[in-house]
Amino acid sequence: MAASSGQDSKTYQLTLVTNSDKHRLLKNVIFVACGVVISSIYTILRNRFDRRRRRLRGGCGYSQGDLLLNQLFQSRQDIDTILNAQYGTRTDDELFHYTKEGYRSFVERVGVLAERFCEKLKDFTGERGETTALDIGCLTGGVSFELARSFQTVYGCDPCKECIRAADAMRSRGWMRCNIIEENDLYFEETLTLDADIDRSKVNFAELSFETSWSNAFKQPFDCVVAVHALQRMNSPETLLTSMVDLVAPHGTCILGCSCDWSEESTPRSHWLGGYVAKDGTPIKSIDTIKTLMSQYFSLVHEENIPFVTRETSRKLTASLMSITVWKRDVPSS
């Protein structure tokens, strides 16, 4: 009887330990679940605050980091505005007459500069191989498609997934519908199309962080690298400029664009290329810094200002005068 009692006591103790482990496991599960819920609520509230802050600021300034950059273009209207700026051709619009060559003049003129100054395009024998171009910060792909008029292979990259999604849709269909604000909550729909003579199969798009290691991002350099919508969206524009020597092939061409309007929301003040006064009282201008950094391995062959026009409503345009510089990659004499 005593042995039986001892056996029962041992069995009870074993059962008690097992229940304690279950309680401990249950507490851990509840703790983890509470952490996930709290993290999700924080993320939702933070995103809501960011959207509200951008609306109150009255603009769509770029934010630091690729995650915030994706949040910038989270609404359909943001993408439609960029699409209309890169593909819109409303010649029947009264606002068209206030832009000498229409909304698409910017992307077309950049494409013409690439064709004009890229030395490899002048080789009609084909002995130098395939011509390639890279569009960094391609947005919805307007410049990339213009480059396809001249180059055999074009790559467009941007950290904004919504922009890349729109660019891929234009590549696959050759057209896209977008909504244009007429007045406040009133919209009208417009169909944007690519020119029929552009071979869309030449162009490929990819989502690529601005914080990537540019020197190692691609297997081989390009005959032409375009970055007309990138510098002022980057955390460190100087890093891209110093990496151009690895991105551009010998005798290749680089086309840079800068609106010279820096914001701490996208670029820390310590990384601004210009727009400030140095400690010794010298005014620092963006274009001078660009020339200093690029002249180490490139020669300046062309410089001009090109307006980039975006349409906010049927009665309102926003224009930036982009400083465009064209560079040729130097090759050291042996």
C-alpha atoms as a PDB file:
ATOM      1  CA  MET A   1       0.000   0.000   0.000  1.00  0.00           C
ATOM      2  CA  ALA A   2       2.874   2.320   0.838  1.00  0.00           C
ATOM      3  CA  ALA A   3       4.565   1.501  -2.438  1.00  0.00           C
ATOM      4  CA  SER A   4       1.408   2.290  -4.272  1.00  0.00           C
ATOM      5  CA  SER A   5       1.137   5.612  -2.434  1.00  0.00           C
ATOM      6  CA  GLY A   6       4.740   6.456  -3.329  1.00  0.00           C
ATOM      7  CA  GLN A   7       4.096   5.645  -6.952  1.00  0.00           C
ATOM      8  CA  ASP A   8       1.029   7.845  -6.982  1.00  0.00           C
ATOM      9  CA  SER A   9       3.057  10.671  -5.409  1.00  0.00           C
ATOM     10  CA  LYS A  10       5.711  10.430  -8.105  1.00  0.00           C
ATOM     11  CA  THR A  11       3.112  10.395 -10.812  1.00  0.00           C
ATOM     12  CA  TYR A  12       1.477  13.506  -9.373  1.00  0.00           C
ATOM     13  CA  GLN A  13       4.792  15.350  -9.194  1.00  0.00           C
ATOM     14  CA  LEU A  14       5.602  14.468 -12.817  1.00  0.00           C
ATOM     15  CA  THR A  15       2.217  15.733 -13.949  1.00  0.00           C
ATOM     16  CA  LEU A  16       2.713  18.964 -12.006  1.00  0.00           C
ATOM     17  CA  VAL A  17       6.012  19.676 -13.769  1.00  0.00           C
ATOM     18  CA  THR A  18       4.459  19.051 -17.172  1.00  0.00           C
ATOM     19  CA  ASN A  19       1.632  21.532 -16.499  1.00  0.00           C
ATOM     20  CA  SER A  20       4.172  24.154 -15.399  1.00  0.00           C
ATOM     21  CA  ASP A  21       6.003  23.830 -18.724  1.00  0.00           C
ATOM     22  CA  LYS A  22       2.736  24.286 -20.565  1.00  0.00           C
ATOM     23  CA  HIS A  23       1.980  27.432 -18.579  1.00  0.00           C
ATOM     24  CA  ARG A  24       5.428  28.819 -19.321  1.00  0.00           C
ATOM     25  CA  LEU A  25       5.012  28.103 -23.038  1.00  0.00           C
ATOM     26  CA  LEU A  26       1.577  29.717 -23.046  1.00  0.00           C
ATOM     27  CA  LYS A  27       2.952  32.860 -21.380  1.00  0.00           C
ATOM     28  CA  ASN A  28       5.715  33.082 -24.001  1.00  0.00           C
ATOM     29  CA  VAL A  29       3.209  32.756 -26.841  1.00  0.00           C
ATOM     30  CA  ILE A  30       1.018  35.484 -25.337  1.00  0.00           C
ATOM     31  CA  PHE A  31       4.068  37.731 -24.870  1.00  0.00           C
ATOM     32  CA  VAL A  32       5.150  37.329 -28.504  1.00  0.00           C
ATOM     33  CA  ALA A  33       1.602  37.871 -29.772  1.00  0.00           C
ATOM     34  CA  CYS A  34       1.289  41.086 -27.758  1.00  0.00           C
ATOM     35  CA  GLY A  35       4.600  42.292 -29.202  1.00  0.00           C
ATOM     36  CA  VAL A  36       3.425  41.642 -32.769  1.00  0.00           C
ATOM     37  CA  VAL A  37       0.138  43.486 -32.165  1.00  0.00           C
ATOM     38  CA  ILE A  38       1.897  46.480 -30.612  1.00  0.00           C
ATOM     39  CA  SER A  39       4.418  46.612 -33.477  1.00  0.00           C
ATOM     40  CA  SER A  40       1.621  46.487 -36.068  1.00  0.00           C
ATOM     41  CA  ILE A  41      -0.319  49.276 -34.357  1.00  0.00           C
ATOM     42  CA  TYR A  42       2.830  51.421 -34.197  1.00  0.00           C
ATOM     43  CA  THR A  43       3.523  50.878 -37.913  1.00  0.00           C
ATOM     44  CA  ILE A  44      -0.050  51.795 -38.875  1.00  0.00           C
ATOM     45  CA  LEU A  45      -0.029  54.956 -36.748  1.00  0.00           C
ATOM     46  CA  ARG A  46       3.412  55.978 -38.015  1.00  0.00           C
ATOM     47  CA  ASN A  47       2.381  55.614 -41.681  1.00  0.00           C
ATOM     48  CA  ARG A  48      -0.825  57.535 -41.018  1.00  0.00           C
ATOM     49  CA  PHE A  49       1.156  60.324 -39.349  1.00  0.00           C
ATOM     50  CA  ASP A  50       3.608  60.459 -42.281  1.00  0.00           C
ATOM     51  CA  ARG A  51       0.777  60.769 -44.800  1.00  0.00           C
ATOM     52  CA  ARG A  52      -0.886  63.492 -42.781  1.00  0.00           C
ATOM     53  CA  ARG A  53       2.410  65.366 -42.408  1.00  0.00           C
ATOM     54  CA  ARG A  54       2.966  65.320 -46.186  1.00  0.00           C
ATOM     55  CA  ARG A  55      -0.546  66.630 -46.811  1.00  0.00           C
ATOM     56  CA  LEU A  56      -0.075  69.436 -44.277  1.00  0.00           C
ATOM     57  CA  ARG A  57       3.278  70.295 -45.841  1.00  0.00           C
ATOM     58  CA  GLY A  58       1.455  70.798 -49.135  1.00  0.00           C
ATOM     59  CA  GLY A  59       3.904  68.824 -51.235  1.00  0.00           C
ATOM     60  CA  CYS A  60       5.430  65.455 -52.001  1.00  0.00           C
ATOM     61  CA  GLY A  61       8.993  65.972 -50.873  1.00  0.00           C
ATOM     62  CA  TYR A  62      11.182  62.888 -50.965  1.00  0.00           C
ATOM     63  CA  SER A  63      11.882  61.233 -47.627  1.00  0.00           C
ATOM     64  CA  GLN A  64      15.008  59.595 -46.297  1.00  0.00           C
ATOM     65  CA  GLY A  65      15.463  55.919 -47.041  1.00  0.00           C
ATOM     66  CA  ASP A  66      13.942  53.730 -49.709  1.00  0.00           C
ATOM     67  CA  LEU A  67      11.034  52.707 -47.457  1.00  0.00           C
ATOM     68  CA  LEU A  68       9.875  56.293 -47.081  1.00  0.00           C
ATOM     69  CA  LEU A  69      10.560  56.885 -50.762  1.00  0.00           C
ATOM     70  CA  ASN A  70       8.072  54.122 -51.553  1.00  0.00           C
ATOM     71  CA  GLN A  71       5.545  55.761 -49.229  1.00  0.00           C
ATOM     72  CA  LEU A  72       5.932  58.965 -51.230  1.00  0.00           C
ATOM     73  CA  PHE A  73       4.326  57.408 -54.306  1.00  0.00           C
ATOM     74  CA  GLN A  74       1.743  55.376 -52.425  1.00  0.00           C
ATOM     75  CA  SER A  75      -1.304  57.055 -53.977  1.00  0.00           C
ATOM     76  CA  ARG A  76      -2.484  56.562 -57.535  1.00  0.00           C
ATOM     77  CA  GLN A  77      -2.526  60.315 -58.072  1.00  0.00           C
ATOM     78  CA  ASP A  78       1.199  60.602 -57.298  1.00  0.00           C
ATOM     79  CA  ILE A  79       1.984  58.063 -60.012  1.00  0.00           C
ATOM     80  CA  ASP A  80      -0.466  59.684 -62.437  1.00  0.00           C
ATOM     81  CA  THR A  81       1.291  63.039 -62.011  1.00  0.00           C
ATOM     82  CA  ILE A  82       4.664  61.525 -62.932  1.00  0.00           C
ATOM     83  CA  LEU A  83       3.164  59.538 -65.811  1.00  0.00           C
ATOM     84  CA  ASN A  84       1.601  62.672 -67.266  1.00  0.00           C
ATOM     85  CA  ALA A  85       4.904  64.545 -66.914  1.00  0.00           C
ATOM     86  CA  GLN A  86       6.817  61.836 -68.796  1.00  0.00           C
ATOM     87  CA  TYR A  87       4.227  60.732 -71.376  1.00  0.00           C
ATOM     88  CA  GLY A  88       1.539  63.439 -71.597  1.00  0.00           C
ATOM     89  CA  THR A  89       0.973  65.079 -75.000  1.00  0.00           C
ATOM     90  CA  ARG A  90      -2.259  67.083 -74.694  1.00  0.00           C
ATOM     91  CA  THR A  91      -1.776  69.531 -77.545  1.00  0.00           C
ATOM     92  CA  ASP A  92      -5.422  70.618 -77.231  1.00  0.00           C
ATOM     93  CA  ASP A  93      -4.800  71.851 -73.683  1.00  0.00           C
ATOM     94  CA  GLU A  94      -4.473  75.600 -73.126  1.00  0.00           C
ATOM     95  CA  LEU A  95      -1.645  75.008 -70.654  1.00  0.00           C
ATOM     96  CA  PHE A  96       0.310  73.337 -73.448  1.00  0.00           C
ATOM     97  CA  HIS A  97       0.978  76.747 -74.988  1.00  0.00           C
ATOM     98  CA  TYR A  98       2.762  77.888 -71.826  1.00  0.00           C
ATOM     99  CA  THR A  99       5.400  75.198 -72.311  1.00  0.00           C
ATOM    100  CA  LYS A 100       7.176  75.837 -75.604  1.00  0.00           C
ATOM    101  CA  GLU A 101       7.518  72.204 -76.583  1.00  0.00           C
ATOM    102  CA  GLY A 102       4.885  70.494 -74.440  1.00  0.00           C
ATOM    103  CA  TYR A 103       5.083  68.269 -71.403  1.00  0.00           C
ATOM    104  CA  ARG A 104       7.323  65.593 -72.945  1.00  0.00           C
ATOM    105  CA  SER A 105      10.070  67.943 -74.056  1.00  0.00           C
ATOM    106  CA  PHE A 106      12.287  67.047 -71.100  1.00  0.00           C
ATOM    107  CA  VAL A 107      12.536  63.292 -71.693  1.00  0.00           C
ATOM    108  CA  GLU A 108      12.845  63.781 -75.446  1.00  0.00           C
ATOM    109  CA  ARG A 109      15.641  66.328 -75.115  1.00  0.00           C
ATOM    110  CA  VAL A 110      17.579  64.073 -72.748  1.00  0.00           C
ATOM    111  CA  GLY A 111      17.250  61.258 -75.270  1.00  0.00           C
ATOM    112  CA  VAL A 112      18.551  63.534 -78.035  1.00  0.00           C
ATOM    113  CA  LEU A 113      21.577  64.496 -75.911  1.00  0.00           C
ATOM    114  CA  ALA A 114      22.423  60.838 -75.341  1.00  0.00           C
ATOM    115  CA  GLU A 115      22.245  60.131 -79.073  1.00  0.00           C
ATOM    116  CA  ARG A 116      24.267  63.205 -79.926  1.00  0.00           C
ATOM    117  CA  PHE A 117      27.177  62.707 -77.538  1.00  0.00           C
ATOM    118  CA  CYS A 118      27.533  58.945 -77.157  1.00  0.00           C
ATOM    119  CA  GLU A 119      30.578  58.101 -79.249  1.00  0.00           C
ATOM    120  CA  LYS A 120      29.759  54.419 -79.643  1.00  0.00           C
ATOM    121  CA  LEU A 121      26.505  55.248 -81.439  1.00  0.00           C
ATOM    122  CA  LYS A 122      28.588  56.760 -84.241  1.00  0.00           C
ATOM    123  CA  ASP A 123      30.064  53.361 -85.056  1.00  0.00           C
ATOM    124  CA  PHE A 124      27.860  52.091 -87.887  1.00  0.00           C
ATOM    125  CA  THR A 125      30.009  49.008 -88.513  1.00  0.00           C
ATOM    126  CA  GLY A 126      28.896  47.265 -85.317  1.00  0.00           C
ATOM    127  CA  GLU A 127      32.470  46.247 -84.570  1.00  0.00           C
ATOM    128  CA  ARG A 128      32.309  47.765 -81.084  1.00  0.00           C
ATOM    129  CA  GLY A 129      29.455  45.500 -80.013  1.00  0.00           C
ATOM    130  CA  GLU A 130      26.044  46.180 -78.527  1.00  0.00           C
ATOM    131  CA  THR A 131      25.231  49.665 -77.240  1.00  0.00           C
ATOM    132  CA  THR A 132      23.905  49.823 -73.677  1.00  0.00           C
ATOM    133  CA  ALA A 133      22.417  52.552 -71.509  1.00  0.00           C
ATOM    134  CA  LEU A 134      21.431  52.847 -67.843  1.00  0.00           C
ATOM    135  CA  ASP A 135      18.782  55.222 -66.462  1.00  0.00           C
ATOM    136  CA  ILE A 136      19.264  55.707 -62.693  1.00  0.00           C
ATOM    137  CA  GLY A 137      16.169  57.068 -60.949  1.00  0.00           C
ATOM    138  CA  CYS A 138      13.999  56.305 -63.969  1.00  0.00           C
ATOM    139  CA  LEU A 139      10.661  57.026 -62.214  1.00  0.00           C
ATOM    140  CA  THR A 140       8.007  55.658 -64.608  1.00  0.00           C
ATOM    141  CA  GLY A 141      10.480  55.084 -67.448  1.00  0.00           C
ATOM    142  CA  GLY A 142      10.024  58.086 -69.733  1.00  0.00           C
ATOM    143  CA  VAL A 143      13.736  58.717 -70.338  1.00  0.00           C
ATOM    144  CA  SER A 144      14.448  54.976 -70.566  1.00  0.00           C
ATOM    145  CA  PHE A 145      12.085  54.570 -73.516  1.00  0.00           C
ATOM    146  CA  GLU A 146      13.593  57.591 -75.248  1.00  0.00           C
ATOM    147  CA  LEU A 147      17.031  55.994 -74.891  1.00  0.00           C
ATOM    148  CA  ALA A 148      15.641  52.886 -76.621  1.00  0.00           C
ATOM    149  CA  ARG A 149      15.385  54.910 -79.840  1.00  0.00           C
ATOM    150  CA  SER A 150      19.185  54.796 -80.104  1.00  0.00           C
ATOM    151  CA  PHE A 151      20.530  52.087 -77.805  1.00  0.00           C
ATOM    152  CA  GLN A 152      20.114  48.354 -78.264  1.00  0.00           C
ATOM    153  CA  THR A 153      19.703  47.584 -74.555  1.00  0.00           C
ATOM    154  CA  VAL A 154      18.416  49.941 -71.873  1.00  0.00           C
ATOM    155  CA  TYR A 155      18.092  49.354 -68.133  1.00  0.00           C
ATOM    156  CA  GLY A 156      15.973  51.582 -65.910  1.00  0.00           C
ATOM    157  CA  CYS A 157      16.184  51.376 -62.120  1.00  0.00           C
ATOM    158  CA  ASP A 158      14.408  53.157 -59.276  1.00  0.00           C
ATOM    159  CA  PRO A 159      13.837  52.410 -55.583  1.00  0.00           C
ATOM    160  CA  CYS A 160      10.102  53.186 -55.839  1.00  0.00           C
ATOM    161  CA  LYS A 161       8.202  49.959 -56.485  1.00  0.00           C
ATOM    162  CA  GLU A 162       5.063  51.788 -57.683  1.00  0.00           C
ATOM    163  CA  CYS A 163       7.064  53.693 -60.285  1.00  0.00           C
ATOM    164  CA  ILE A 164       8.673  50.479 -61.515  1.00  0.00           C
ATOM    165  CA  ARG A 165       5.261  48.795 -61.622  1.00  0.00           C
ATOM    166  CA  ALA A 166       3.938  51.622 -63.817  1.00  0.00           C
ATOM    167  CA  ALA A 167       7.030  51.486 -66.052  1.00  0.00           C
ATOM    168  CA  ASP A 168       6.622  47.716 -66.496  1.00  0.00           C
ATOM    169  CA  ALA A 169       2.953  48.192 -67.396  1.00  0.00           C
ATOM    170  CA  MET A 170       3.884  50.756 -70.045  1.00  0.00           C
ATOM    171  CA  ARG A 171       6.523  48.367 -71.387  1.00  0.00           C
ATOM    172  CA  SER A 172       4.114  45.434 -71.673  1.00  0.00           C
ATOM    173  CA  ARG A 173       1.138  47.347 -73.142  1.00  0.00           C
ATOM    174  CA  GLY A 174       2.531  50.514 -74.672  1.00  0.00           C
ATOM    175  CA  TRP A 175      -0.189  52.604 -73.026  1.00  0.00           C
ATOM    176  CA  MET A 176      -1.605  53.497 -69.623  1.00  0.00           C
ATOM    177  CA  ARG A 177      -4.650  55.313 -68.348  1.00  0.00           C
ATOM    178  CA  CYS A 178      -4.242  57.994 -65.723  1.00  0.00           C
ATOM    179  CA  ASN A 179      -6.506  60.453 -63.944  1.00  0.00           C
ATOM    180  CA  ILE A 180      -5.852  64.192 -64.230  1.00  0.00           C
ATOM    181  CA  ILE A 181      -7.233  66.527 -61.575  1.00  0.00           C
ATOM    182  CA  GLU A 182      -9.601  69.063 -63.070  1.00  0.00           C
ATOM    183  CA  GLU A 183     -10.812  70.762 -59.890  1.00  0.00           C
ATOM    184  CA  ASN A 184     -10.232  69.374 -56.407  1.00  0.00           C
ATOM    185  CA  ASP A 185     -12.204  66.094 -56.409  1.00  0.00           C
ATOM    186  CA  LEU A 186     -13.095  66.272 -60.118  1.00  0.00           C
ATOM    187  CA  TYR A 187     -11.001  64.144 -62.484  1.00  0.00           C
ATOM    188  CA  PHE A 188     -10.897  63.263 -66.141  1.00  0.00           C
ATOM    189  CA  GLU A 189      -9.267  60.165 -67.565  1.00  0.00           C
ATOM    190  CA  GLU A 190      -6.510  60.306 -70.137  1.00  0.00           C
ATOM    191  CA  THR A 191      -4.785  57.518 -72.065  1.00  0.00           C
ATOM    192  CA  LEU A 192      -1.024  57.930 -72.369  1.00  0.00           C
ATOM    193  CA  THR A 193       0.757  56.066 -75.165  1.00  0.00           C
ATOM    194  CA  LEU A 194       4.301  55.402 -76.297  1.00  0.00           C
ATOM    195  CA  ASP A 195       5.352  56.265 -79.822  1.00  0.00           C
ATOM    196  CA  ALA A 196       4.953  53.280 -82.115  1.00  0.00           C
ATOM    197  CA  ASP A 197       8.563  53.537 -83.334  1.00  0.00           C
ATOM    198  CA  ILE A 198       9.974  52.781 -79.860  1.00  0.00           C
ATOM    199  CA  ASP A 199      10.956  49.125 -79.442  1.00  0.00           C
ATOM    200  CA  ARG A 200       9.734  48.397 -75.893  1.00  0.00           C
ATOM    201  CA  SER A 201      11.495  45.030 -75.805  1.00  0.00           C
ATOM    202  CA  LYS A 202      14.847  46.826 -75.570  1.00  0.00           C
ATOM    203  CA  VAL A 203      13.994  48.213 -72.124  1.00  0.00           C
ATOM    204  CA  ASN A 204      14.116  46.401 -68.781  1.00  0.00           C
ATOM    205  CA  PHE A 205      13.172  47.848 -65.401  1.00  0.00           C
ATOM    206  CA  ALA A 206      14.247  46.864 -61.889  1.00  0.00           C
ATOM    207  CA  GLU A 207      13.636  48.102 -58.373  1.00  0.00           C
ATOM    208  CA  LEU A 208      17.050  49.076 -57.026  1.00  0.00           C
ATOM    209  CA  SER A 209      17.928  50.914 -53.843  1.00  0.00           C
ATOM    210  CA  PHE A 210      19.720  54.251 -54.039  1.00  0.00           C
ATOM    211  CA  GLU A 211      21.873  52.963 -51.167  1.00  0.00           C
ATOM    212  CA  THR A 212      23.308  50.155 -53.283  1.00  0.00           C
ATOM    213  CA  SER A 213      27.005  49.732 -53.909  1.00  0.00           C
ATOM    214  CA  TRP A 214      27.104  51.270 -57.363  1.00  0.00           C
ATOM    215  CA  SER A 215      30.621  50.079 -58.079  1.00  0.00           C
ATOM    216  CA  ASN A 216      29.494  46.445 -57.783  1.00  0.00           C
ATOM    217  CA  ALA A 217      25.856  46.707 -58.854  1.00  0.00           C
ATOM    218  CA  PHE A 218      26.403  45.733 -62.508  1.00  0.00           C
ATOM    219  CA  LYS A 219      28.644  43.200 -64.193  1.00  0.00           C
ATOM    220  CA  GLN A 220      29.942  45.587 -66.841  1.00  0.00           C
ATOM    221  CA  PRO A 221      29.936  49.339 -67.511  1.00  0.00           C
ATOM    222  CA  PHE A 222      27.492  51.090 -69.842  1.00  0.00           C
ATOM    223  CA  ASP A 223      28.051  53.210 -72.929  1.00  0.00           C
ATOM    224  CA  CYS A 224      25.709  55.842 -71.500  1.00  0.00           C
ATOM    225  CA  VAL A 225      24.536  56.440 -67.929  1.00  0.00           C
ATOM    226  CA  VAL A 226      21.714  58.914 -67.288  1.00  0.00           C
ATOM    227  CA  ALA A 227      20.827  60.244 -63.825  1.00  0.00           C
ATOM    228  CA  VAL A 228      18.502  63.201 -64.280  1.00  0.00           C
ATOM    229  CA  HIS A 229      15.969  62.274 -61.560  1.00  0.00           C
ATOM    230  CA  ALA A 230      18.265  60.798 -58.938  1.00  0.00           C
ATOM    231  CA  LEU A 231      20.691  63.174 -57.204  1.00  0.00           C
ATOM    232  CA  GLN A 232      18.163  65.087 -55.119  1.00  0.00           C
ATOM    233  CA  ARG A 233      16.382  61.912 -54.087  1.00  0.00           C
ATOM    234  CA  MET A 234      19.516  60.282 -52.657  1.00  0.00           C
ATOM    235  CA  ASN A 235      20.905  60.134 -49.160  1.00  0.00           C
ATOM    236  CA  SER A 236      24.434  60.541 -50.522  1.00  0.00           C
ATOM    237  CA  PRO A 237      24.562  61.912 -54.092  1.00  0.00           C
ATOM    238  CA  GLU A 238      28.345  62.236 -53.885  1.00  0.00           C
ATOM    239  CA  THR A 239      28.605  58.440 -53.660  1.00  0.00           C
ATOM    240  CA  LEU A 240      26.883  58.043 -57.015  1.00  0.00           C
ATOM    241  CA  LEU A 241      29.037  60.694 -58.686  1.00  0.00           C
ATOM    242  CA  THR A 242      32.284  59.129 -57.502  1.00  0.00           C
ATOM    243  CA  SER A 243      31.036  55.713 -58.699  1.00  0.00           C
ATOM    244  CA  MET A 244      30.403  56.903 -62.249  1.00  0.00           C
ATOM    245  CA  VAL A 245      33.940  55.921 -63.200  1.00  0.00           C
ATOM    246  CA  ASP A 246      32.895  52.285 -62.633  1.00  0.00           C
ATOM    247  CA  LEU A 247      29.464  52.606 -64.272  1.00  0.00           C
ATOM    248  CA  VAL A 248      30.516  54.354 -67.499  1.00  0.00           C
ATOM    249  CA  ALA A 249      32.645  52.521 -70.062  1.00  0.00           C
ATOM    250  CA  PRO A 250      35.818  54.154 -71.435  1.00  0.00           C
ATOM    251  CA  HIS A 251      34.868  56.911 -73.912  1.00  0.00           C
ATOM    252  CA  GLY A 252      31.290  56.505 -72.645  1.00  0.00           C
ATOM    253  CA  THR A 253      28.827  59.270 -71.827  1.00  0.00           C
ATOM    254  CA  CYS A 254      27.236  60.384 -68.568  1.00  0.00           C
ATOM    255  CA  ILE A 255      24.248  62.745 -68.401  1.00  0.00           C
ATOM    256  CA  LEU A 256      23.439  64.339 -65.046  1.00  0.00           C
ATOM    257  CA  GLY A 257      20.474  66.448 -63.995  1.00  0.00           C
ATOM    258  CA  CYS A 258      20.135  68.617 -60.891  1.00  0.00           C
ATOM    259  CA  SER A 259      17.430  71.089 -59.888  1.00  0.00           C
ATOM    260  CA  CYS A 260      19.757  72.542 -57.199  1.00  0.00           C
ATOM    261  CA  ASP A 261      16.915  72.480 -54.666  1.00  0.00           C
ATOM    262  CA  TRP A 262      18.021  70.318 -51.737  1.00  0.00           C
ATOM    263  CA  SER A 263      15.861  69.124 -48.861  1.00  0.00           C
ATOM    264  CA  GLU A 264      16.886  67.572 -45.563  1.00  0.00           C
ATOM    265  CA  GLU A 265      13.949  65.189 -45.886  1.00  0.00           C
ATOM    266  CA  SER A 266      15.768  63.328 -48.647  1.00  0.00           C
ATOM    267  CA  THR A 267      19.420  64.321 -48.226  1.00  0.00           C
ATOM    268  CA  PRO A 268      21.125  65.176 -44.922  1.00  0.00           C
ATOM    269  CA  ARG A 269      22.492  68.704 -44.978  1.00  0.00           C
ATOM    270  CA  SER A 270      26.023  67.361 -44.586  1.00  0.00           C
ATOM    271  CA  HIS A 271      25.621  65.581 -47.953  1.00  0.00           C
ATOM    272  CA  TRP A 272      24.221  68.517 -49.928  1.00  0.00           C
ATOM    273  CA  LEU A 273      26.264  69.273 -53.025  1.00  0.00           C
ATOM    274  CA  GLY A 274      25.530  72.996 -52.744  1.00  0.00           C
ATOM    275  CA  GLY A 275      23.095  75.639 -51.605  1.00  0.00           C
ATOM    276  CA  TYR A 276      24.977  76.672 -48.472  1.00  0.00           C
ATOM    277  CA  VAL A 277      27.812  78.892 -47.260  1.00  0.00           C
ATOM    278  CA  ALA A 278      31.080  77.237 -46.213  1.00  0.00           C
ATOM    279  CA  LYS A 279      32.761  78.024 -42.898  1.00  0.00           C
ATOM    280  CA  ASP A 280      35.159  80.417 -44.630  1.00  0.00           C
ATOM    281  CA  GLY A 281      32.197  82.360 -46.076  1.00  0.00           C
ATOM    282  CA  THR A 282      32.448  80.900 -49.582  1.00  0.00           C
ATOM    283  CA  PRO A 283      29.069  80.180 -51.232  1.00  0.00           C
ATOM    284  CA  ILE A 284      28.921  76.560 -52.396  1.00  0.00           C
ATOM    285  CA  LYS A 285      26.887  75.874 -55.540  1.00  0.00           C
ATOM    286  CA  SER A 286      25.709  72.435 -56.605  1.00  0.00           C
ATOM    287  CA  ILE A 287      26.890  72.661 -60.194  1.00  0.00           C
ATOM    288  CA  ASP A 288      30.411  73.611 -59.058  1.00  0.00           C
ATOM    289  CA  THR A 289      30.581  70.587 -56.738  1.00  0.00           C
ATOM    290  CA  ILE A 290      29.337  68.296 -59.510  1.00  0.00           C
ATOM    291  CA  LYS A 291      32.021  69.620 -61.860  1.00  0.00           C
ATOM    292  CA  THR A 292      34.727  69.173 -59.245  1.00  0.00           C
ATOM    293  CA  LEU A 293      33.769  65.558 -58.519  1.00  0.00           C
ATOM    294  CA  MET A 294      33.210  64.541 -62.148  1.00  0.00           C
ATOM    295  CA  SER A 295      36.276  66.252 -63.619  1.00  0.00           C
ATOM    296  CA  GLN A 296      38.563  63.692 -61.983  1.00  0.00           C
ATOM    297  CA  TYR A 297      37.692  61.074 -64.613  1.00  0.00           C
ATOM    298  CA  PHE A 298      35.401  62.894 -67.079  1.00  0.00           C
ATOM    299  CA  SER A 299      35.463  65.840 -69.450  1.00  0.00           C
ATOM    300  CA  LEU A 300      32.518  68.231 -69.650  1.00  0.00           C
ATOM    301  CA  VAL A 301      31.276  68.322 -73.251  1.00  0.00           C
ATOM    302  CA  HIS A 302      27.901  70.045 -72.935  1.00  0.00           C
ATOM    303  CA  GLU A 303      25.827  72.059 -70.462  1.00  0.00           C
ATOM    304  CA  GLU A 304      22.305  73.478 -70.660  1.00  0.00           C
ATOM    305  CA  ASN A 305      19.124  74.113 -68.666  1.00  0.00           C
ATOM    306  CA  ILE A 306      15.995  72.104 -69.528  1.00  0.00           C
ATOM    307  CA  PRO A 307      12.573  72.722 -67.914  1.00  0.00           C
ATOM    308  CA  PHE A 308      10.852  69.731 -66.336  1.00  0.00           C
ATOM    309  CA  VAL A 309       7.103  70.369 -66.203  1.00  0.00           C
ATOM    310  CA  THR A 310       4.572  68.510 -64.051  1.00  0.00           C
ATOM    311  CA  ARG A 311       0.873  69.090 -64.233  1.00  0.00           C
ATOM    312  CA  GLU A 312      -0.925  69.253 -60.884  1.00  0.00           C
ATOM    313  CA  THR A 313      -4.389  70.197 -62.167  1.00  0.00           C
ATOM    314  CA  SER A 314      -5.956  71.263 -65.453  1.00  0.00           C
ATOM    315  CA  ARG A 315      -5.103  74.864 -64.501  1.00  0.00           C
ATOM    316  CA  LYS A 316      -1.832  74.477 -62.637  1.00  0.00           C
ATOM    317  CA  LEU A 317       1.660  73.537 -63.785  1.00  0.00           C
ATOM    318  CA  THR A 318       4.844  73.181 -61.749  1.00  0.00           C
ATOM    319  CA  ALA A 319       8.165  73.644 -63.535  1.00  0.00           C
ATOM    320  CA  SER A 320      11.754  73.044 -62.444  1.00  0.00           C
ATOM    321  CA  LEU A 321      14.703  74.289 -64.462  1.00  0.00           C
ATOM    322  CA  MET A 322      17.031  71.305 -64.471  1.00  0.00           C
ATOM    323  CA  SER A 323      20.750  71.902 -64.848  1.00  0.00           C
ATOM    324  CA  ILE A 324      21.899  69.256 -67.341  1.00  0.00           C
ATOM    325  CA  THR A 325      25.565  68.406 -67.832  1.00  0.00           C
ATOM    326  CA  VAL A 326      26.974  65.889 -70.325  1.00  0.00           C
ATOM    327  CA  TRP A 327      30.285  64.187 -69.572  1.00  0.00           C
ATOM    328  CA  LYS A 328      32.671  61.993 -71.539  1.00  0.00           C
ATOM    329  CA  ARG A 329      34.701  59.341 -69.730  1.00  0.00           C
ATOM    330  CA  ASP A 330      38.410  60.011 -70.061  1.00  0.00           C
ATOM    331  CA  VAL A 331      40.834  57.212 -70.820  1.00  0.00           C
ATOM    332  CA  PRO A 332      44.376  57.653 -69.451  1.00  0.00           C
ATOM    333  CA  SER A 333      47.033  57.545 -72.130  1.00  0.00           C
ATOM    334  CA  SER A 334      49.250  54.467 -71.882  1.00  0.00           C
END
